Protein backbone atom coordinates (compact mmCIF):
# COMPACT_ATOMS: atom_id res chain seq x y z
CA MET A 1 -18.89 37.62 25.89
CA ASP A 2 -22.16 38.03 27.79
CA ARG A 3 -25.23 38.00 25.53
CA ARG A 4 -26.53 41.22 27.11
CA GLN A 5 -23.42 43.08 25.88
CA MET A 6 -23.64 41.77 22.30
CA ARG A 7 -24.75 44.25 19.65
CA ALA A 8 -28.34 43.84 18.42
CA GLY A 9 -29.01 44.05 14.69
CA ASP A 10 -31.83 45.58 12.66
CA ALA A 11 -33.55 42.19 12.43
CA ASP A 12 -33.50 41.87 16.23
CA ARG A 13 -35.04 45.31 16.71
CA GLN A 14 -37.61 44.59 13.97
CA HIS A 15 -38.56 41.31 15.65
CA VAL A 16 -39.31 43.12 18.92
CA ALA A 17 -41.18 45.89 17.04
CA GLU A 18 -43.40 43.31 15.29
CA GLN A 19 -44.30 41.72 18.61
CA LEU A 20 -45.10 45.13 20.08
CA ARG A 21 -47.34 45.87 17.09
CA ALA A 22 -49.15 42.57 17.60
CA ALA A 23 -49.62 43.37 21.30
CA LEU A 24 -51.04 46.78 20.38
CA GLU A 25 -53.49 45.21 17.91
CA LEU A 26 -54.61 42.73 20.57
CA GLY A 27 -55.19 45.54 23.10
CA ARG A 28 -52.39 44.49 25.43
CA LEU A 29 -50.70 47.89 25.07
CA ASP A 30 -52.20 51.32 24.78
CA LEU A 31 -50.85 53.72 22.17
CA SER A 32 -48.59 55.67 24.53
CA GLU A 33 -47.05 52.47 25.96
CA TYR A 34 -46.54 51.15 22.45
CA ASP A 35 -44.89 54.40 21.34
CA GLU A 36 -42.58 54.46 24.38
CA ARG A 37 -41.54 50.82 23.97
CA LEU A 38 -41.06 51.21 20.22
CA ARG A 39 -38.73 54.18 20.75
CA THR A 40 -36.74 52.15 23.27
CA THR A 41 -36.61 49.24 20.82
CA TYR A 42 -35.23 51.27 17.92
CA ALA A 43 -32.75 53.06 20.22
CA ALA A 44 -31.41 49.72 21.53
CA LYS A 45 -27.79 48.98 20.73
CA THR A 46 -27.34 45.70 22.61
CA PHE A 47 -29.43 42.67 23.50
CA GLY A 48 -29.37 43.96 27.09
CA ASP A 49 -31.16 47.10 25.88
CA LEU A 50 -33.86 44.91 24.30
CA ASP A 51 -34.30 42.75 27.39
CA GLY A 52 -37.34 43.64 29.42
CA ILE A 53 -39.31 45.32 26.64
CA LEU A 54 -41.49 42.24 26.08
CA ASP A 55 -41.28 40.65 29.53
CA ASP A 56 -44.82 41.50 30.70
CA LEU A 57 -46.48 40.54 27.39
CA PRO A 58 -47.72 36.96 26.88
CA ASP A 59 -46.83 34.95 23.77
CA THR A 60 -43.68 36.92 22.97
CA VAL A 61 -40.23 35.64 22.21
CA ALA A 62 -37.05 37.59 22.86
CA PRO A 63 -34.72 38.05 19.88
CA THR A 64 -32.19 35.31 19.36
CA ALA A 65 -28.50 35.81 19.95
CA SER A 66 -27.69 35.31 16.27
CA SER A 67 -28.50 38.41 14.26
CA GLN A 68 -29.19 38.50 10.55
CA LEU A 69 -29.46 41.37 8.13
CA MET A 70 -33.12 42.32 7.86
CA VAL A 71 -34.63 41.86 4.41
CA PRO A 72 -37.39 44.42 3.84
CA ARG A 73 -40.75 42.93 2.89
CA ARG A 74 -43.70 44.56 1.20
CA ASN A 75 -46.14 43.49 3.91
CA ASP A 76 -45.80 42.81 7.59
CA PRO A 77 -46.54 39.21 8.47
CA LEU A 78 -50.04 38.32 9.53
CA VAL A 79 -49.99 37.48 13.24
CA PRO A 80 -52.76 35.29 14.68
CA GLY A 81 -54.36 36.32 17.94
CA PRO A 82 -54.76 34.06 20.98
CA ASP A 83 -57.98 32.64 19.52
CA GLY A 84 -56.16 31.59 16.33
CA ARG A 85 -57.92 34.22 14.21
CA TYR A 86 -56.03 36.92 12.31
CA PRO A 87 -57.20 40.30 13.67
CA ASN A 88 -56.18 42.38 10.64
CA ALA A 89 -57.09 39.79 8.00
CA THR A 90 -60.22 41.49 6.65
CA ALA A 91 -58.49 44.79 5.89
CA ARG A 92 -55.50 43.00 4.35
CA TRP A 93 -57.76 40.73 2.25
CA LEU A 94 -59.82 43.69 1.02
CA SER A 95 -56.64 45.53 0.09
CA HIS A 96 -55.31 42.46 -1.71
CA THR A 97 -58.62 41.98 -3.54
CA TRP A 98 -59.15 45.59 -4.63
CA ASP A 99 -55.58 46.93 -5.17
CA GLY A 100 -55.36 45.85 -8.81
CA TYR A 101 -58.76 47.32 -9.56
CA PHE A 102 -57.94 50.77 -8.18
CA ALA A 103 -54.54 50.85 -9.86
CA THR A 104 -56.03 49.90 -13.24
CA VAL A 105 -58.90 52.38 -12.97
CA ALA A 106 -56.45 55.14 -12.01
CA ILE A 107 -54.35 54.36 -15.09
CA VAL A 108 -57.26 54.32 -17.55
CA VAL A 109 -58.71 57.53 -16.09
CA ALA A 110 -55.27 59.16 -16.38
CA ILE A 111 -55.07 58.05 -20.03
CA TRP A 112 -58.55 59.45 -20.66
CA ALA A 113 -57.60 62.75 -18.97
CA VAL A 114 -54.40 63.09 -21.01
CA ILE A 115 -56.32 62.46 -24.23
CA CYS A 116 -58.91 65.09 -23.20
CA LEU A 117 -56.12 67.59 -22.51
CA MET A 118 -54.40 66.85 -25.81
CA THR A 119 -57.60 67.24 -27.83
CA ALA A 120 -58.80 70.21 -25.69
CA GLU A 121 -62.31 68.76 -25.40
CA TRP A 122 -64.25 66.48 -23.06
CA LEU A 123 -64.45 63.06 -24.64
CA TYR A 124 -66.80 60.18 -23.88
CA PHE A 125 -65.83 58.72 -20.49
CA TRP A 126 -64.87 55.26 -21.71
CA PRO A 127 -63.05 54.27 -18.44
CA ALA A 128 -66.53 53.57 -17.06
CA TRP A 129 -66.56 50.45 -19.26
CA VAL A 130 -63.46 49.22 -17.45
CA ALA A 131 -64.41 50.34 -13.93
CA GLY A 132 -68.12 49.50 -13.95
CA PRO A 133 -68.31 45.80 -14.89
CA TRP A 134 -65.07 44.88 -13.13
CA GLY A 135 -66.14 46.80 -10.01
CA ALA A 136 -69.54 45.05 -10.00
CA VAL A 137 -67.90 41.61 -10.22
CA LEU A 138 -65.43 42.51 -7.46
CA LEU A 139 -68.21 43.87 -5.26
CA VAL A 140 -70.24 40.67 -5.56
CA SER A 141 -67.18 38.49 -4.93
CA THR A 142 -66.16 40.68 -1.98
CA ILE A 143 -69.57 40.40 -0.33
CA GLY A 144 -69.58 36.64 -0.93
CA GLY A 145 -66.06 36.36 0.45
CA LEU A 146 -66.89 38.32 3.58
CA VAL A 147 -69.98 36.20 4.21
CA GLY A 148 -68.02 32.99 3.60
CA GLY A 149 -65.08 33.87 5.88
CA GLU A 150 -62.62 34.28 3.02
CA PRO A 151 -60.36 36.81 4.84
CA GLN A 152 -59.44 34.29 7.56
CA LYS A 153 -58.84 31.54 4.98
CA TRP A 154 -56.68 33.89 2.91
CA ALA A 155 -54.72 35.00 6.00
CA ALA A 156 -54.07 31.39 7.03
CA GLU A 157 -52.85 30.57 3.52
CA GLN A 158 -50.58 33.63 3.52
CA ALA A 159 -49.14 32.57 6.89
CA ARG A 160 -48.55 29.01 5.60
CA GLU A 161 -46.85 30.36 2.48
CA ARG A 162 -44.64 32.63 4.56
CA ALA A 163 -43.69 29.68 6.80
CA ARG A 164 -42.83 27.58 3.71
CA GLU A 165 -40.72 30.45 2.36
CA GLN A 166 -38.85 30.81 5.65
CA GLN A 167 -38.29 27.05 5.74
CA ARG A 168 -36.84 27.15 2.20
CA GLU A 169 -34.57 30.06 3.18
CA ARG A 170 -33.36 28.19 6.28
CA ALA A 171 -32.68 25.07 4.20
CA LYS A 172 -30.79 27.16 1.67
CA ASP A 173 -28.75 28.79 4.45
CA ASP A 174 -27.99 25.37 5.95
CA ASP A 175 -26.86 24.10 2.54
CA GLU A 176 -24.50 27.07 2.13
CA GLU A 177 -22.85 26.43 5.51
């Protein structure tokens, strides 16, 4: 059977979508082009339908003929730009650094609010003792990290870890065959 007539899987469509997203972030596509190509990608039923979507974009790879079931991941992979830097690393690093703080502060404020509702009076705002010192330490470490280039180092480490994980998965798949 001709490859162009073979059915494309979710992983194949996702692979093309990730490359389109990277091209958008690098300024190689405008938003309307990206939207049009993304719609075409997710509507594709065969590899022939996917052919041509990435042809005019540098540094892209067409989906392979072997399809695999896509495993959803919490985060999209970090994709380096042509200069080797990770264009979305700072936002991802800041999110990674501050997520636990905001979640914890939200929980302690919710506990404080529930206690205030149950007692029907405004109590001393003790969550400030959790949020204040921890926030100050995070702020200082964030500023130091931004000055020291920590987002790029973190992104490179995340990319290496993802590559190691994929290598382990491939080795495991090869062992099962």
